[in-house]
Amino acid sequence: MSIIQKTFQFIFYNVMGWKADITVDIPDKCVVCVAPHTSNWDLFVCKFFDWAHNLSVSYMMKKEWFFFPLGPIFKATGGIPVYRGKSTSLTEQMAKRFAERTRFRLAITPEATRKANPYWKLGFYFIAQEAGVPVLPCILDYGKKTIRCSMILYPSGDVDKDMETLNEYFKDSTAKKPAQFVLYKKQNKHITKKH
């Protein structure tokens, strides 16, 4: 373990006072489904956890945020600019990245907003399904100041059933702003991979 990683571990555990409850082997390739997401602090906490454990987790952001001097910082911390104008879908773009790499972990916040939103974006699910990789649900629990990864979900193709499993997994977690976290609610419209 490098001195840099030890430093990040000291900051995450001793200075920030967070804990980690990891009871599964984290796959080299996976989509990390992070919830609850109600605050800008979430990225800060997650990145220190990432650096403390040398996980090299990437995340997506709108390409408009990648301007100087923020762009180089975001890229250095695993940020991937999203180009929605491309002819291929975002699902296909990310699946291609998985295919090209031997180690790629992509974190996605399915709520897609810091406000209360029961209609979670299912892009994380379809990316994992398209890429043939598992979903690693990651709980960001401010009540216990613990990041928990204790389940691996392999997309079955039955979205509603798999989302019920994730609802059960996330239901007891406490967000930074508890009133702004709600579980997934089935949408009354056709679900499609293209988004």
N, C-alpha and C. Protein backbone atom coordinates (compact mmCIF):
# COMPACT_ATOMS: atom_id res chain seq x y z
N MET A 1 0.84 -1.19 0.00
CA MET A 1 0.00 0.00 0.00
C MET A 1 0.88 1.25 0.00
N SER A 2 0.58 2.19 -0.88
CA SER A 2 1.40 3.40 -1.00
C SER A 2 1.12 4.37 0.14
N ILE A 3 2.04 5.29 0.33
CA ILE A 3 1.87 6.31 1.36
C ILE A 3 0.68 7.20 1.03
N ILE A 4 0.40 7.39 -0.27
CA ILE A 4 -0.74 8.22 -0.66
C ILE A 4 -2.05 7.55 -0.26
N GLN A 5 -2.14 6.24 -0.52
CA GLN A 5 -3.36 5.52 -0.14
C GLN A 5 -3.54 5.52 1.37
N LYS A 6 -2.44 5.33 2.11
CA LYS A 6 -2.53 5.36 3.57
C LYS A 6 -3.01 6.72 4.06
N THR A 7 -2.57 7.77 3.38
CA THR A 7 -3.00 9.13 3.75
C THR A 7 -4.50 9.29 3.54
N PHE A 8 -4.99 8.80 2.39
CA PHE A 8 -6.42 8.89 2.13
C PHE A 8 -7.23 8.05 3.11
N GLN A 9 -6.70 6.91 3.50
CA GLN A 9 -7.38 6.08 4.49
C GLN A 9 -7.46 6.82 5.83
N PHE A 10 -6.38 7.48 6.22
CA PHE A 10 -6.37 8.23 7.47
C PHE A 10 -7.41 9.34 7.43
N ILE A 11 -7.48 10.05 6.30
CA ILE A 11 -8.44 11.14 6.16
C ILE A 11 -9.87 10.61 6.21
N PHE A 12 -10.15 9.53 5.44
CA PHE A 12 -11.50 9.00 5.35
C PHE A 12 -11.98 8.45 6.70
N TYR A 13 -11.12 7.66 7.35
CA TYR A 13 -11.54 6.99 8.58
C TYR A 13 -11.35 7.84 9.83
N ASN A 14 -10.24 8.54 9.93
CA ASN A 14 -9.92 9.24 11.16
C ASN A 14 -10.34 10.71 11.17
N VAL A 15 -10.12 11.39 10.06
CA VAL A 15 -10.46 12.81 10.01
C VAL A 15 -11.96 13.00 9.70
N MET A 16 -12.45 12.34 8.65
CA MET A 16 -13.85 12.46 8.27
C MET A 16 -14.77 11.62 9.16
N GLY A 17 -14.22 10.58 9.77
CA GLY A 17 -14.99 9.76 10.70
C GLY A 17 -15.94 8.77 10.05
N TRP A 18 -15.67 8.41 8.80
CA TRP A 18 -16.53 7.45 8.10
C TRP A 18 -16.02 6.03 8.30
N LYS A 19 -16.90 5.08 8.03
CA LYS A 19 -16.55 3.66 8.10
C LYS A 19 -16.93 3.00 6.78
N ALA A 20 -16.42 1.80 6.55
CA ALA A 20 -16.76 1.02 5.36
C ALA A 20 -17.22 -0.36 5.79
N ASP A 21 -18.30 -0.80 5.20
CA ASP A 21 -18.83 -2.14 5.46
C ASP A 21 -18.88 -2.87 4.12
N ILE A 22 -17.79 -3.52 3.78
CA ILE A 22 -17.67 -4.19 2.48
C ILE A 22 -17.61 -5.69 2.73
N THR A 23 -18.67 -6.38 2.33
CA THR A 23 -18.74 -7.82 2.60
C THR A 23 -18.75 -8.65 1.31
N VAL A 24 -18.50 -8.01 0.17
CA VAL A 24 -18.39 -8.72 -1.11
C VAL A 24 -17.08 -8.34 -1.78
N ASP A 25 -16.61 -9.20 -2.65
CA ASP A 25 -15.44 -8.86 -3.45
C ASP A 25 -15.89 -7.92 -4.57
N ILE A 26 -15.28 -6.75 -4.63
CA ILE A 26 -15.68 -5.78 -5.63
C ILE A 26 -15.13 -6.19 -6.99
N PRO A 27 -16.00 -6.42 -7.97
CA PRO A 27 -15.53 -6.89 -9.29
C PRO A 27 -14.66 -5.85 -9.99
N ASP A 28 -13.76 -6.33 -10.83
CA ASP A 28 -12.92 -5.41 -11.61
C ASP A 28 -13.76 -4.60 -12.58
N LYS A 29 -14.86 -5.20 -13.05
CA LYS A 29 -15.78 -4.50 -13.94
C LYS A 29 -17.17 -4.52 -13.31
N CYS A 30 -17.74 -3.35 -13.09
CA CYS A 30 -19.09 -3.28 -12.53
C CYS A 30 -19.63 -1.87 -12.65
N VAL A 31 -20.94 -1.77 -12.58
CA VAL A 31 -21.61 -0.48 -12.47
C VAL A 31 -21.96 -0.30 -10.99
N VAL A 32 -21.42 0.74 -10.39
CA VAL A 32 -21.65 1.01 -8.98
C VAL A 32 -22.87 1.91 -8.86
N CYS A 33 -23.94 1.38 -8.30
CA CYS A 33 -25.20 2.12 -8.14
C CYS A 33 -25.19 2.77 -6.77
N VAL A 34 -24.97 4.09 -6.72
CA VAL A 34 -24.78 4.80 -5.46
C VAL A 34 -26.05 5.55 -5.05
N ALA A 35 -26.51 5.29 -3.84
CA ALA A 35 -27.67 5.99 -3.30
C ALA A 35 -27.59 5.91 -1.76
N PRO A 36 -28.21 6.82 -1.05
CA PRO A 36 -28.95 8.00 -1.52
C PRO A 36 -28.00 9.09 -2.04
N HIS A 37 -28.55 9.95 -2.91
CA HIS A 37 -27.78 11.08 -3.43
C HIS A 37 -28.62 12.34 -3.27
N THR A 38 -28.31 13.12 -2.23
CA THR A 38 -29.10 14.32 -1.95
C THR A 38 -28.24 15.57 -1.74
N SER A 39 -26.92 15.43 -1.88
CA SER A 39 -26.04 16.55 -1.57
C SER A 39 -24.78 16.50 -2.44
N ASN A 40 -24.22 17.69 -2.67
CA ASN A 40 -22.94 17.76 -3.39
C ASN A 40 -21.82 17.10 -2.59
N TRP A 41 -22.01 16.95 -1.29
CA TRP A 41 -21.00 16.31 -0.44
C TRP A 41 -20.84 14.83 -0.78
N ASP A 42 -21.85 14.25 -1.41
CA ASP A 42 -21.80 12.81 -1.71
C ASP A 42 -20.59 12.45 -2.55
N LEU A 43 -20.32 13.25 -3.58
CA LEU A 43 -19.16 12.98 -4.44
C LEU A 43 -17.87 13.08 -3.64
N PHE A 44 -17.78 14.07 -2.78
CA PHE A 44 -16.60 14.27 -1.95
C PHE A 44 -16.34 13.05 -1.07
N VAL A 45 -17.37 12.57 -0.39
CA VAL A 45 -17.23 11.41 0.49
C VAL A 45 -16.86 10.16 -0.31
N CYS A 46 -17.55 9.97 -1.44
CA CYS A 46 -17.30 8.78 -2.25
C CYS A 46 -15.91 8.75 -2.85
N LYS A 47 -15.40 9.90 -3.26
CA LYS A 47 -14.06 9.92 -3.84
C LYS A 47 -12.99 9.62 -2.79
N PHE A 48 -13.16 10.09 -1.57
CA PHE A 48 -12.18 9.76 -0.53
C PHE A 48 -12.23 8.28 -0.19
N PHE A 49 -13.43 7.69 -0.22
CA PHE A 49 -13.57 6.25 -0.04
C PHE A 49 -12.87 5.51 -1.18
N ASP A 50 -13.08 5.98 -2.40
CA ASP A 50 -12.45 5.42 -3.59
C ASP A 50 -10.93 5.45 -3.47
N TRP A 51 -10.39 6.61 -3.15
CA TRP A 51 -8.94 6.75 -3.04
C TRP A 51 -8.38 5.94 -1.88
N ALA A 52 -9.11 5.85 -0.79
CA ALA A 52 -8.64 5.10 0.38
C ALA A 52 -8.50 3.61 0.07
N HIS A 53 -9.32 3.13 -0.88
CA HIS A 53 -9.30 1.71 -1.21
C HIS A 53 -8.75 1.42 -2.61
N ASN A 54 -8.25 2.46 -3.26
CA ASN A 54 -7.61 2.30 -4.58
C ASN A 54 -8.54 1.57 -5.56
N LEU A 55 -9.79 2.02 -5.65
CA LEU A 55 -10.78 1.35 -6.49
C LEU A 55 -10.82 1.88 -7.91
N SER A 56 -10.33 3.10 -8.12
CA SER A 56 -10.31 3.72 -9.46
C SER A 56 -11.70 3.74 -10.09
N VAL A 57 -12.66 4.29 -9.36
CA VAL A 57 -14.04 4.37 -9.84
C VAL A 57 -14.22 5.62 -10.68
N SER A 58 -14.83 5.44 -11.85
CA SER A 58 -15.13 6.56 -12.74
C SER A 58 -16.58 7.01 -12.55
N TYR A 59 -16.88 8.19 -13.02
CA TYR A 59 -18.25 8.71 -12.95
C TYR A 59 -18.49 9.62 -14.15
N MET A 60 -19.74 9.78 -14.52
CA MET A 60 -20.10 10.58 -15.68
C MET A 60 -20.59 11.96 -15.26
N MET A 61 -20.25 12.94 -16.09
CA MET A 61 -20.75 14.30 -15.88
C MET A 61 -21.03 14.93 -17.24
N LYS A 62 -21.91 15.93 -17.25
CA LYS A 62 -22.19 16.64 -18.50
C LYS A 62 -20.90 17.25 -19.02
N LYS A 63 -20.70 17.18 -20.32
CA LYS A 63 -19.46 17.68 -20.92
C LYS A 63 -19.26 19.18 -20.66
N GLU A 64 -20.36 19.89 -20.41
CA GLU A 64 -20.28 21.33 -20.18
C GLU A 64 -19.48 21.68 -18.92
N TRP A 65 -19.33 20.72 -18.00
CA TRP A 65 -18.58 20.98 -16.78
C TRP A 65 -17.07 20.85 -16.99
N PHE A 66 -16.66 20.33 -18.13
CA PHE A 66 -15.23 20.05 -18.34
C PHE A 66 -14.52 21.24 -19.00
N PHE A 67 -14.63 22.38 -18.35
CA PHE A 67 -13.92 23.56 -18.81
C PHE A 67 -12.77 23.85 -17.85
N PHE A 68 -11.78 24.57 -18.31
CA PHE A 68 -10.62 24.89 -17.48
C PHE A 68 -11.03 25.89 -16.39
N PRO A 69 -10.59 25.70 -15.14
CA PRO A 69 -9.66 24.68 -14.65
C PRO A 69 -10.35 23.42 -14.10
N LEU A 70 -11.69 23.37 -14.13
CA LEU A 70 -12.38 22.24 -13.53
C LEU A 70 -12.22 20.95 -14.33
N GLY A 71 -12.18 21.07 -15.66
CA GLY A 71 -12.09 19.89 -16.52
C GLY A 71 -10.96 18.94 -16.15
N PRO A 72 -9.72 19.43 -16.08
CA PRO A 72 -8.60 18.56 -15.71
C PRO A 72 -8.76 17.92 -14.33
N ILE A 73 -9.38 18.67 -13.40
CA ILE A 73 -9.60 18.13 -12.05
C ILE A 73 -10.60 16.98 -12.10
N PHE A 74 -11.71 17.18 -12.82
CA PHE A 74 -12.72 16.13 -12.93
C PHE A 74 -12.14 14.88 -13.60
N LYS A 75 -11.38 15.07 -14.65
CA LYS A 75 -10.79 13.93 -15.36
C LYS A 75 -9.80 13.19 -14.47
N ALA A 76 -9.02 13.94 -13.69
CA ALA A 76 -8.03 13.33 -12.80
C ALA A 76 -8.69 12.51 -11.70
N THR A 77 -9.93 12.86 -11.35
CA THR A 77 -10.64 12.13 -10.29
C THR A 77 -11.59 11.08 -10.85
N GLY A 78 -11.50 10.80 -12.14
CA GLY A 78 -12.31 9.74 -12.73
C GLY A 78 -13.51 10.21 -13.52
N GLY A 79 -13.64 11.51 -13.70
CA GLY A 79 -14.77 12.05 -14.43
C GLY A 79 -14.73 11.72 -15.92
N ILE A 80 -15.88 11.36 -16.47
CA ILE A 80 -16.02 11.06 -17.90
C ILE A 80 -17.02 12.04 -18.49
N PRO A 81 -16.60 12.89 -19.44
CA PRO A 81 -17.56 13.81 -20.06
C PRO A 81 -18.57 13.07 -20.91
N VAL A 82 -19.84 13.42 -20.75
CA VAL A 82 -20.91 12.75 -21.48
C VAL A 82 -21.30 13.60 -22.69
N TYR A 83 -21.23 12.96 -23.86
CA TYR A 83 -21.60 13.63 -25.10
C TYR A 83 -22.91 13.01 -25.60
N ARG A 84 -24.01 13.64 -25.24
CA ARG A 84 -25.31 13.09 -25.60
C ARG A 84 -25.66 13.30 -27.06
N GLY A 85 -24.91 14.12 -27.76
CA GLY A 85 -25.21 14.37 -29.16
C GLY A 85 -24.67 13.32 -30.11
N LYS A 86 -23.91 12.36 -29.58
CA LYS A 86 -23.32 11.34 -30.43
C LYS A 86 -24.40 10.44 -31.02
N SER A 87 -24.06 9.81 -32.13
CA SER A 87 -25.02 8.95 -32.82
C SER A 87 -25.33 7.69 -32.01
N THR A 88 -24.38 7.25 -31.19
CA THR A 88 -24.62 6.08 -30.35
C THR A 88 -25.19 6.51 -29.00
N SER A 89 -25.98 5.65 -28.39
CA SER A 89 -26.59 5.98 -27.11
C SER A 89 -25.54 5.97 -26.00
N LEU A 90 -25.90 6.59 -24.89
CA LEU A 90 -25.01 6.61 -23.73
C LEU A 90 -24.74 5.18 -23.24
N THR A 91 -25.78 4.35 -23.31
CA THR A 91 -25.61 2.94 -22.92
C THR A 91 -24.54 2.28 -23.76
N GLU A 92 -24.58 2.48 -25.05
CA GLU A 92 -23.61 1.86 -25.95
C GLU A 92 -22.21 2.45 -25.76
N GLN A 93 -22.14 3.76 -25.50
CA GLN A 93 -20.84 4.40 -25.26
C GLN A 93 -20.15 3.78 -24.05
N MET A 94 -20.90 3.61 -22.96
CA MET A 94 -20.31 3.06 -21.74
C MET A 94 -20.02 1.57 -21.87
N ALA A 95 -20.89 0.84 -22.58
CA ALA A 95 -20.65 -0.59 -22.80
C ALA A 95 -19.36 -0.79 -23.59
N LYS A 96 -19.10 0.12 -24.52
CA LYS A 96 -17.87 0.05 -25.30
C LYS A 96 -16.64 0.26 -24.40
N ARG A 97 -16.75 1.17 -23.45
CA ARG A 97 -15.64 1.39 -22.52
C ARG A 97 -15.36 0.13 -21.69
N PHE A 98 -16.43 -0.53 -21.26
CA PHE A 98 -16.26 -1.77 -20.51
C PHE A 98 -15.55 -2.83 -21.36
N ALA A 99 -15.92 -2.90 -22.63
CA ALA A 99 -15.34 -3.91 -23.53
C ALA A 99 -13.86 -3.64 -23.78
N GLU A 100 -13.47 -2.38 -23.74
CA GLU A 100 -12.09 -2.01 -24.09
C GLU A 100 -11.13 -2.13 -22.91
N ARG A 101 -11.64 -2.30 -21.70
CA ARG A 101 -10.78 -2.28 -20.53
C ARG A 101 -10.85 -3.58 -19.74
N THR A 102 -9.78 -3.88 -19.06
CA THR A 102 -9.77 -5.07 -18.20
C THR A 102 -10.25 -4.72 -16.80
N ARG A 103 -10.24 -3.42 -16.48
CA ARG A 103 -10.72 -2.96 -15.17
C ARG A 103 -11.44 -1.64 -15.36
N PHE A 104 -12.72 -1.64 -15.08
CA PHE A 104 -13.50 -0.41 -15.23
C PHE A 104 -14.70 -0.47 -14.29
N ARG A 105 -14.72 0.48 -13.39
CA ARG A 105 -15.83 0.59 -12.44
C ARG A 105 -16.48 1.95 -12.64
N LEU A 106 -17.77 1.94 -12.91
CA LEU A 106 -18.48 3.16 -13.25
C LEU A 106 -19.56 3.43 -12.21
N ALA A 107 -19.44 4.54 -11.50
CA ALA A 107 -20.42 4.90 -10.48
C ALA A 107 -21.51 5.77 -11.09
N ILE A 108 -22.75 5.44 -10.76
CA ILE A 108 -23.90 6.20 -11.23
C ILE A 108 -24.88 6.39 -10.07
N THR A 109 -25.41 7.62 -9.94
CA THR A 109 -26.45 7.89 -8.96
C THR A 109 -27.79 7.81 -9.69
N PRO A 110 -28.57 6.76 -9.47
CA PRO A 110 -29.78 6.54 -10.27
C PRO A 110 -30.87 7.57 -10.06
N GLU A 111 -30.83 8.29 -8.94
CA GLU A 111 -31.85 9.33 -8.73
C GLU A 111 -31.68 10.47 -9.72
N ALA A 112 -30.45 10.68 -10.20
CA ALA A 112 -30.13 11.66 -11.24
C ALA A 112 -30.42 13.10 -10.82
N THR A 113 -30.67 13.33 -9.56
CA THR A 113 -30.91 14.66 -9.04
C THR A 113 -30.74 14.61 -7.53
N ARG A 114 -30.48 15.76 -6.91
CA ARG A 114 -30.36 15.79 -5.46
C ARG A 114 -31.71 16.04 -4.78
N LYS A 115 -32.75 16.25 -5.58
CA LYS A 115 -34.09 16.44 -5.05
C LYS A 115 -34.80 15.10 -4.96
N ALA A 116 -35.90 15.07 -4.23
CA ALA A 116 -36.67 13.83 -4.11
C ALA A 116 -37.18 13.40 -5.48
N ASN A 117 -36.87 12.18 -5.87
CA ASN A 117 -37.26 11.70 -7.20
C ASN A 117 -37.52 10.19 -7.15
N PRO A 118 -38.79 9.79 -7.19
CA PRO A 118 -39.10 8.36 -7.16
C PRO A 118 -38.87 7.67 -8.51
N TYR A 119 -38.71 8.48 -9.54
CA TYR A 119 -38.55 7.91 -10.89
C TYR A 119 -37.07 7.84 -11.25
N TRP A 120 -36.41 6.87 -10.65
CA TRP A 120 -34.97 6.72 -10.87
C TRP A 120 -34.68 6.46 -12.33
N LYS A 121 -33.55 6.98 -12.79
CA LYS A 121 -33.08 6.70 -14.15
C LYS A 121 -32.50 5.29 -14.17
N LEU A 122 -32.89 4.52 -15.15
CA LEU A 122 -32.47 3.11 -15.22
C LEU A 122 -31.26 2.89 -16.12
N GLY A 123 -30.61 3.98 -16.49
CA GLY A 123 -29.43 3.85 -17.34
C GLY A 123 -28.36 2.96 -16.74
N PHE A 124 -28.17 3.04 -15.42
CA PHE A 124 -27.17 2.20 -14.76
C PHE A 124 -27.45 0.73 -15.01
N TYR A 125 -28.72 0.37 -14.98
CA TYR A 125 -29.13 -1.02 -15.15
C TYR A 125 -28.87 -1.48 -16.58
N PHE A 126 -29.26 -0.65 -17.54
CA PHE A 126 -29.11 -1.03 -18.95
C PHE A 126 -27.65 -1.02 -19.40
N ILE A 127 -26.84 -0.14 -18.81
CA ILE A 127 -25.41 -0.16 -19.11
C ILE A 127 -24.80 -1.48 -18.65
N ALA A 128 -25.13 -1.88 -17.41
CA ALA A 128 -24.61 -3.14 -16.88
C ALA A 128 -25.09 -4.32 -17.74
N GLN A 129 -26.36 -4.29 -18.12
CA GLN A 129 -26.92 -5.37 -18.93
C GLN A 129 -26.25 -5.44 -20.30
N GLU A 130 -26.08 -4.28 -20.93
CA GLU A 130 -25.46 -4.23 -22.26
C GLU A 130 -24.00 -4.67 -22.22
N ALA A 131 -23.30 -4.26 -21.14
CA ALA A 131 -21.87 -4.57 -21.02
C ALA A 131 -21.62 -5.98 -20.47
N GLY A 132 -22.66 -6.62 -19.95
CA GLY A 132 -22.49 -7.95 -19.37
C GLY A 132 -21.71 -7.93 -18.07
N VAL A 133 -21.94 -6.88 -17.26
CA VAL A 133 -21.24 -6.75 -15.98
C VAL A 133 -22.28 -6.63 -14.86
N PRO A 134 -21.89 -6.92 -13.61
CA PRO A 134 -22.84 -6.82 -12.50
C PRO A 134 -23.03 -5.38 -12.02
N VAL A 135 -24.09 -5.20 -11.26
CA VAL A 135 -24.34 -3.95 -10.56
C VAL A 135 -23.89 -4.13 -9.11
N LEU A 136 -23.10 -3.18 -8.62
CA LEU A 136 -22.68 -3.18 -7.22
C LEU A 136 -23.43 -2.06 -6.51
N PRO A 137 -24.51 -2.38 -5.78
CA PRO A 137 -25.24 -1.34 -5.05
C PRO A 137 -24.41 -0.84 -3.87
N CYS A 138 -24.27 0.46 -3.78
CA CYS A 138 -23.41 1.07 -2.76
C CYS A 138 -24.23 2.08 -1.96
N ILE A 139 -24.41 1.80 -0.68
CA ILE A 139 -25.20 2.68 0.19
C ILE A 139 -24.31 3.74 0.81
N LEU A 140 -24.74 4.98 0.68
CA LEU A 140 -24.05 6.11 1.29
C LEU A 140 -24.89 6.55 2.49
N ASP A 141 -24.62 5.96 3.63
CA ASP A 141 -25.47 6.12 4.81
C ASP A 141 -24.88 7.16 5.77
N TYR A 142 -25.48 8.35 5.77
CA TYR A 142 -25.00 9.42 6.64
C TYR A 142 -25.39 9.19 8.09
N GLY A 143 -26.47 8.45 8.33
CA GLY A 143 -26.89 8.18 9.70
C GLY A 143 -25.83 7.40 10.47
N LYS A 144 -25.23 6.43 9.80
CA LYS A 144 -24.19 5.60 10.42
C LYS A 144 -22.80 6.00 9.95
N LYS A 145 -22.73 7.01 9.08
CA LYS A 145 -21.47 7.44 8.47
C LYS A 145 -20.71 6.22 7.93
N THR A 146 -21.44 5.45 7.16
CA THR A 146 -20.90 4.20 6.63
C THR A 146 -21.22 4.05 5.15
N ILE A 147 -20.22 3.64 4.39
CA ILE A 147 -20.44 3.23 3.01
C ILE A 147 -20.52 1.71 3.01
N ARG A 148 -21.64 1.19 2.50
CA ARG A 148 -21.89 -0.25 2.57
C ARG A 148 -22.03 -0.85 1.19
N CYS A 149 -21.28 -1.92 0.95
CA CYS A 149 -21.41 -2.72 -0.28
C CYS A 149 -21.51 -4.17 0.17
N SER A 150 -22.71 -4.71 0.16
CA SER A 150 -22.90 -6.06 0.68
C SER A 150 -23.73 -6.94 -0.25
N MET A 151 -23.87 -6.51 -1.50
CA MET A 151 -24.63 -7.30 -2.46
C MET A 151 -24.13 -7.02 -3.87
N ILE A 152 -24.21 -8.03 -4.71
CA ILE A 152 -23.92 -7.87 -6.13
C ILE A 152 -25.16 -8.34 -6.90
N LEU A 153 -25.62 -7.50 -7.80
CA LEU A 153 -26.81 -7.82 -8.58
C LEU A 153 -26.44 -8.03 -10.04
N TYR A 154 -26.79 -9.20 -10.57
CA TYR A 154 -26.60 -9.46 -11.99
C TYR A 154 -27.94 -9.22 -12.68
N PRO A 155 -28.02 -8.24 -13.58
CA PRO A 155 -29.30 -7.93 -14.22
C PRO A 155 -29.93 -9.17 -14.85
N SER A 156 -31.17 -9.42 -14.47
CA SER A 156 -31.87 -10.61 -14.95
C SER A 156 -32.66 -10.34 -16.23
N GLY A 157 -32.85 -9.06 -16.52
CA GLY A 157 -33.71 -8.70 -17.64
C GLY A 157 -35.10 -8.33 -17.18
N ASP A 158 -35.46 -8.76 -15.97
CA ASP A 158 -36.74 -8.38 -15.37
C ASP A 158 -36.48 -7.14 -14.53
N VAL A 159 -36.65 -5.97 -15.14
CA VAL A 159 -36.29 -4.71 -14.50
C VAL A 159 -37.06 -4.50 -13.20
N ASP A 160 -38.37 -4.71 -13.25
CA ASP A 160 -39.20 -4.45 -12.07
C ASP A 160 -38.79 -5.32 -10.88
N LYS A 161 -38.52 -6.59 -11.14
CA LYS A 161 -38.10 -7.49 -10.07
C LYS A 161 -36.75 -7.06 -9.50
N ASP A 162 -35.81 -6.74 -10.37
CA ASP A 162 -34.49 -6.33 -9.90
C ASP A 162 -34.54 -5.01 -9.13
N MET A 163 -35.41 -4.10 -9.57
CA MET A 163 -35.54 -2.83 -8.86
C MET A 163 -36.21 -3.01 -7.50
N GLU A 164 -37.08 -3.99 -7.38
CA GLU A 164 -37.65 -4.31 -6.07
C GLU A 164 -36.55 -4.78 -5.12
N THR A 165 -35.62 -5.57 -5.66
CA THR A 165 -34.48 -6.04 -4.86
C THR A 165 -33.64 -4.86 -4.39
N LEU A 166 -33.41 -3.89 -5.28
CA LEU A 166 -32.62 -2.72 -4.91
C LEU A 166 -33.37 -1.84 -3.91
N ASN A 167 -34.68 -1.70 -4.07
CA ASN A 167 -35.46 -0.95 -3.10
C ASN A 167 -35.32 -1.54 -1.70
N GLU A 168 -35.38 -2.85 -1.62
CA GLU A 168 -35.23 -3.53 -0.33
C GLU A 168 -33.84 -3.27 0.26
N TYR A 169 -32.85 -3.23 -0.61
CA TYR A 169 -31.47 -3.02 -0.19
C TYR A 169 -31.25 -1.61 0.36
N PHE A 170 -31.83 -0.61 -0.32
CA PHE A 170 -31.58 0.79 0.04
C PHE A 170 -32.56 1.35 1.06
N LYS A 171 -33.61 0.60 1.41
CA LYS A 171 -34.73 1.19 2.14
C LYS A 171 -34.38 1.75 3.52
N ASP A 172 -33.40 1.20 4.20
CA ASP A 172 -33.09 1.64 5.56
C ASP A 172 -31.92 2.62 5.63
N SER A 173 -31.46 3.11 4.49
CA SER A 173 -30.32 4.03 4.49
C SER A 173 -30.77 5.46 4.76
N THR A 174 -29.86 6.24 5.34
CA THR A 174 -30.17 7.63 5.71
C THR A 174 -29.34 8.57 4.85
N ALA A 175 -30.03 9.43 4.12
CA ALA A 175 -29.36 10.39 3.24
C ALA A 175 -28.83 11.58 4.03
N LYS A 176 -27.96 12.35 3.39
CA LYS A 176 -27.49 13.60 3.99
C LYS A 176 -28.68 14.50 4.29
N LYS A 177 -29.64 14.54 3.34
CA LYS A 177 -30.89 15.28 3.52
C LYS A 177 -32.03 14.27 3.40
N PRO A 178 -32.42 13.64 4.51
CA PRO A 178 -33.36 12.52 4.47
C PRO A 178 -34.67 12.79 3.74
N ALA A 179 -35.20 13.99 3.82
CA ALA A 179 -36.48 14.30 3.18
C ALA A 179 -36.39 14.25 1.66
N GLN A 180 -35.17 14.28 1.13
CA GLN A 180 -35.01 14.32 -0.32
C GLN A 180 -34.69 12.95 -0.93
N PHE A 181 -34.73 11.91 -0.11
CA PHE A 181 -34.47 10.57 -0.64
C PHE A 181 -35.75 9.74 -0.63
N VAL A 182 -36.12 9.24 -1.79
CA VAL A 182 -37.26 8.34 -1.92
C VAL A 182 -36.84 7.15 -2.78
N LEU A 183 -37.43 6.02 -2.51
CA LEU A 183 -37.10 4.81 -3.26
C LEU A 183 -37.71 4.84 -4.65
N TYR A 184 -37.25 3.91 -5.46
CA TYR A 184 -37.70 3.80 -6.84
C TYR A 184 -39.19 3.47 -6.92
N LYS A 185 -39.86 4.13 -7.84
CA LYS A 185 -41.27 3.85 -8.12
C LYS A 185 -41.40 3.46 -9.59
N LYS A 186 -42.08 2.37 -9.83
CA LYS A 186 -42.26 1.89 -11.20
C LYS A 186 -42.95 2.95 -12.05
N GLN A 187 -42.41 3.16 -13.24
CA GLN A 187 -42.98 4.14 -14.15
C GLN A 187 -44.03 3.50 -15.04
N ASN A 188 -45.04 4.27 -15.36
CA ASN A 188 -46.12 3.76 -16.20
C ASN A 188 -45.88 4.04 -17.67
N LYS A 189 -44.63 3.85 -18.07
CA LYS A 189 -44.31 4.02 -19.47
C LYS A 189 -43.33 2.94 -19.89
N HIS A 190 -43.22 2.74 -21.17
CA HIS A 190 -42.35 1.67 -21.68
C HIS A 190 -40.90 1.97 -21.35
N ILE A 191 -40.22 1.00 -20.81
CA ILE A 191 -38.80 1.13 -20.46
C ILE A 191 -37.96 0.77 -21.67
N THR A 192 -37.00 1.60 -21.97
CA THR A 192 -36.15 1.35 -23.14
C THR A 192 -34.70 1.59 -22.77
N LYS A 193 -33.81 0.95 -23.50
CA LYS A 193 -32.38 1.12 -23.26
C LYS A 193 -31.90 2.48 -23.70
N LYS A 194 -32.51 3.04 -24.75
CA LYS A 194 -32.04 4.32 -25.28
C LYS A 194 -32.45 5.43 -24.33
N HIS A 195 -31.49 6.22 -23.90
CA HIS A 195 -31.80 7.30 -23.01
C HIS A 195 -30.82 8.45 -23.24
